[in-house]
Amino acid sequence: MPELPELDPVIHGKLRLAVLSLLVSVEEADFTWLRDKTGSTDGNLGAQMLKLEEAGYVAMQKRFAGRKPQTLYRMTPLGRKALVKYVSALKELLGGAL
């Protein structure tokens, strides 16, 4: 039996995969936009973003928009590479089913 490709456990989480799927098509996104697009809670999104940061898949920047704090995220080159590898592994797992 052929060896099955391994799916990156950091990306494989539903919310983390959704966030990376959103970030891949934009230069950067703020926390509120990501929360609204994913339908997540602040706490859950914050925890998942921390996991992506720790893996080096996203970078975070805090700034002020006027007097209001804003947290921005962008996908790193390592994150893009990991997402491409994840999608390739998924295609390999599904084989001709697609």
C-alpha atoms as a PDB file:
ATOM      1  CA  MET A   1       0.000   0.000   0.000  1.00  0.00           C
ATOM      2  CA  PRO A   2       1.421   3.420  -0.934  1.00  0.00           C
ATOM      3  CA  GLU A   3       2.301   5.820   1.845  1.00  0.00           C
ATOM      4  CA  LEU A   4      -0.314   8.498   2.384  1.00  0.00           C
ATOM      5  CA  PRO A   5       0.800  12.130   2.376  1.00  0.00           C
ATOM      6  CA  GLU A   6       0.729  13.862   5.733  1.00  0.00           C
ATOM      7  CA  LEU A   7      -1.516  16.888   6.202  1.00  0.00           C
ATOM      8  CA  ASP A   8       0.019  19.754   8.173  1.00  0.00           C
ATOM      9  CA  PRO A   9      -1.808  19.696  11.545  1.00  0.00           C
ATOM     10  CA  VAL A  10      -1.382  23.462  11.948  1.00  0.00           C
ATOM     11  CA  ILE A  11      -3.258  24.141   8.712  1.00  0.00           C
ATOM     12  CA  HIS A  12      -5.700  21.257   9.071  1.00  0.00           C
ATOM     13  CA  GLY A  13      -7.778  22.988  11.744  1.00  0.00           C
ATOM     14  CA  LYS A  14     -11.013  24.297  10.204  1.00  0.00           C
ATOM     15  CA  LEU A  15     -10.620  27.919  11.333  1.00  0.00           C
ATOM     16  CA  ARG A  16      -6.887  28.053  10.574  1.00  0.00           C
ATOM     17  CA  LEU A  17      -7.510  26.713   7.063  1.00  0.00           C
ATOM     18  CA  ALA A  18     -10.262  29.292   6.562  1.00  0.00           C
ATOM     19  CA  VAL A  19      -7.993  32.126   7.718  1.00  0.00           C
ATOM     20  CA  LEU A  20      -5.143  31.064   5.434  1.00  0.00           C
ATOM     21  CA  SER A  21      -7.585  30.705   2.541  1.00  0.00           C
ATOM     22  CA  LEU A  22      -8.660  34.303   3.118  1.00  0.00           C
ATOM     23  CA  LEU A  23      -5.161  35.677   3.626  1.00  0.00           C
ATOM     24  CA  VAL A  24      -3.748  34.049   0.499  1.00  0.00           C
ATOM     25  CA  SER A  25      -5.781  36.425  -1.683  1.00  0.00           C
ATOM     26  CA  VAL A  26      -5.096  39.703   0.155  1.00  0.00           C
ATOM     27  CA  GLU A  27      -1.969  41.616   1.104  1.00  0.00           C
ATOM     28  CA  GLU A  28      -3.117  41.983   4.708  1.00  0.00           C
ATOM     29  CA  ALA A  29      -6.301  41.780   6.737  1.00  0.00           C
ATOM     30  CA  ASP A  30      -7.347  43.138  10.075  1.00  0.00           C
ATOM     31  CA  PHE A  31      -8.617  41.009  12.935  1.00  0.00           C
ATOM     32  CA  THR A  32     -12.180  42.301  12.699  1.00  0.00           C
ATOM     33  CA  TRP A  33     -12.444  41.474   8.989  1.00  0.00           C
ATOM     34  CA  LEU A  34     -11.124  37.951   9.580  1.00  0.00           C
ATOM     35  CA  ARG A  35     -13.514  37.470  12.510  1.00  0.00           C
ATOM     36  CA  ASP A  36     -16.485  38.628  10.452  1.00  0.00           C
ATOM     37  CA  LYS A  37     -15.559  36.534   7.406  1.00  0.00           C
ATOM     38  CA  THR A  38     -15.071  33.362   9.446  1.00  0.00           C
ATOM     39  CA  GLY A  39     -17.950  33.891  11.877  1.00  0.00           C
ATOM     40  CA  SER A  40     -15.570  33.184  14.740  1.00  0.00           C
ATOM     41  CA  THR A  41     -15.482  34.605  18.232  1.00  0.00           C
ATOM     42  CA  ASP A  42     -12.681  36.971  19.269  1.00  0.00           C
ATOM     43  CA  GLY A  43     -11.231  34.415  21.674  1.00  0.00           C
ATOM     44  CA  ASN A  44     -11.237  31.501  19.246  1.00  0.00           C
ATOM     45  CA  LEU A  45      -9.816  33.540  16.392  1.00  0.00           C
ATOM     46  CA  GLY A  46      -7.128  35.002  18.651  1.00  0.00           C
ATOM     47  CA  ALA A  47      -6.052  31.536  19.796  1.00  0.00           C
ATOM     48  CA  GLN A  48      -5.931  30.189  16.236  1.00  0.00           C
ATOM     49  CA  MET A  49      -4.018  33.220  14.962  1.00  0.00           C
ATOM     50  CA  LEU A  50      -1.441  32.669  17.701  1.00  0.00           C
ATOM     51  CA  LYS A  51      -0.930  29.078  16.498  1.00  0.00           C
ATOM     52  CA  LEU A  52      -0.426  30.324  12.941  1.00  0.00           C
ATOM     53  CA  GLU A  53       2.015  32.982  14.177  1.00  0.00           C
ATOM     54  CA  GLU A  54       3.983  30.454  16.229  1.00  0.00           C
ATOM     55  CA  ALA A  55       4.290  28.234  13.151  1.00  0.00           C
ATOM     56  CA  GLY A  56       5.590  31.215  11.173  1.00  0.00           C
ATOM     57  CA  TYR A  57       2.666  31.069   8.720  1.00  0.00           C
ATOM     58  CA  VAL A  58       1.334  34.554   9.463  1.00  0.00           C
ATOM     59  CA  ALA A  59       2.868  37.770  10.709  1.00  0.00           C
ATOM     60  CA  MET A  60       1.030  40.195  12.966  1.00  0.00           C
ATOM     61  CA  GLN A  61       1.367  43.956  13.248  1.00  0.00           C
ATOM     62  CA  LYS A  62      -0.368  46.196  15.762  1.00  0.00           C
ATOM     63  CA  ARG A  63      -1.014  49.844  14.954  1.00  0.00           C
ATOM     64  CA  PHE A  64      -3.476  52.613  15.602  1.00  0.00           C
ATOM     65  CA  ALA A  65      -6.087  53.786  13.121  1.00  0.00           C
ATOM     66  CA  GLY A  66      -6.767  57.183  14.573  1.00  0.00           C
ATOM     67  CA  ARG A  67      -7.144  56.464  18.272  1.00  0.00           C
ATOM     68  CA  LYS A  68      -8.357  52.920  17.777  1.00  0.00           C
ATOM     69  CA  PRO A  69      -5.994  49.916  18.027  1.00  0.00           C
ATOM     70  CA  GLN A  70      -5.869  47.676  14.969  1.00  0.00           C
ATOM     71  CA  THR A  71      -4.282  44.255  14.535  1.00  0.00           C
ATOM     72  CA  LEU A  72      -3.213  43.338  11.010  1.00  0.00           C
ATOM     73  CA  TYR A  73      -2.213  39.926   9.707  1.00  0.00           C
ATOM     74  CA  ARG A  74      -0.452  38.877   6.542  1.00  0.00           C
ATOM     75  CA  MET A  75       0.602  35.499   5.245  1.00  0.00           C
ATOM     76  CA  THR A  76       4.350  34.892   5.257  1.00  0.00           C
ATOM     77  CA  PRO A  77       6.278  33.201   2.440  1.00  0.00           C
ATOM     78  CA  LEU A  78       6.574  30.147   4.719  1.00  0.00           C
ATOM     79  CA  GLY A  79       2.790  30.194   5.162  1.00  0.00           C
ATOM     80  CA  ARG A  80       2.221  30.318   1.401  1.00  0.00           C
ATOM     81  CA  LYS A  81       4.608  27.423   0.874  1.00  0.00           C
ATOM     82  CA  ALA A  82       2.915  25.399   3.623  1.00  0.00           C
ATOM     83  CA  LEU A  83      -0.553  26.055   2.178  1.00  0.00           C
ATOM     84  CA  VAL A  84       0.555  24.985  -1.307  1.00  0.00           C
ATOM     85  CA  LYS A  85       2.039  21.804   0.163  1.00  0.00           C
ATOM     86  CA  TYR A  86      -1.163  21.166   2.146  1.00  0.00           C
ATOM     87  CA  VAL A  87      -3.366  21.558  -0.936  1.00  0.00           C
ATOM     88  CA  SER A  88      -1.055  19.270  -2.956  1.00  0.00           C
ATOM     89  CA  ALA A  89      -1.220  16.604  -0.238  1.00  0.00           C
ATOM     90  CA  LEU A  90      -5.006  16.906  -0.149  1.00  0.00           C
ATOM     91  CA  LYS A  91      -5.195  16.455  -3.918  1.00  0.00           C
ATOM     92  CA  GLU A  92      -2.943  13.417  -3.662  1.00  0.00           C
ATOM     93  CA  LEU A  93      -5.154  11.929  -0.948  1.00  0.00           C
ATOM     94  CA  LEU A  94      -8.298  12.474  -2.971  1.00  0.00           C
ATOM     95  CA  GLY A  95      -6.673  11.168  -6.147  1.00  0.00           C
ATOM     96  CA  GLY A  96      -9.104  10.899  -9.025  1.00  0.00           C
ATOM     97  CA  ALA A  97     -12.097  11.605  -6.798  1.00  0.00           C
ATOM     98  CA  LEU A  98     -12.049  15.245  -7.871  1.00  0.00           C
END
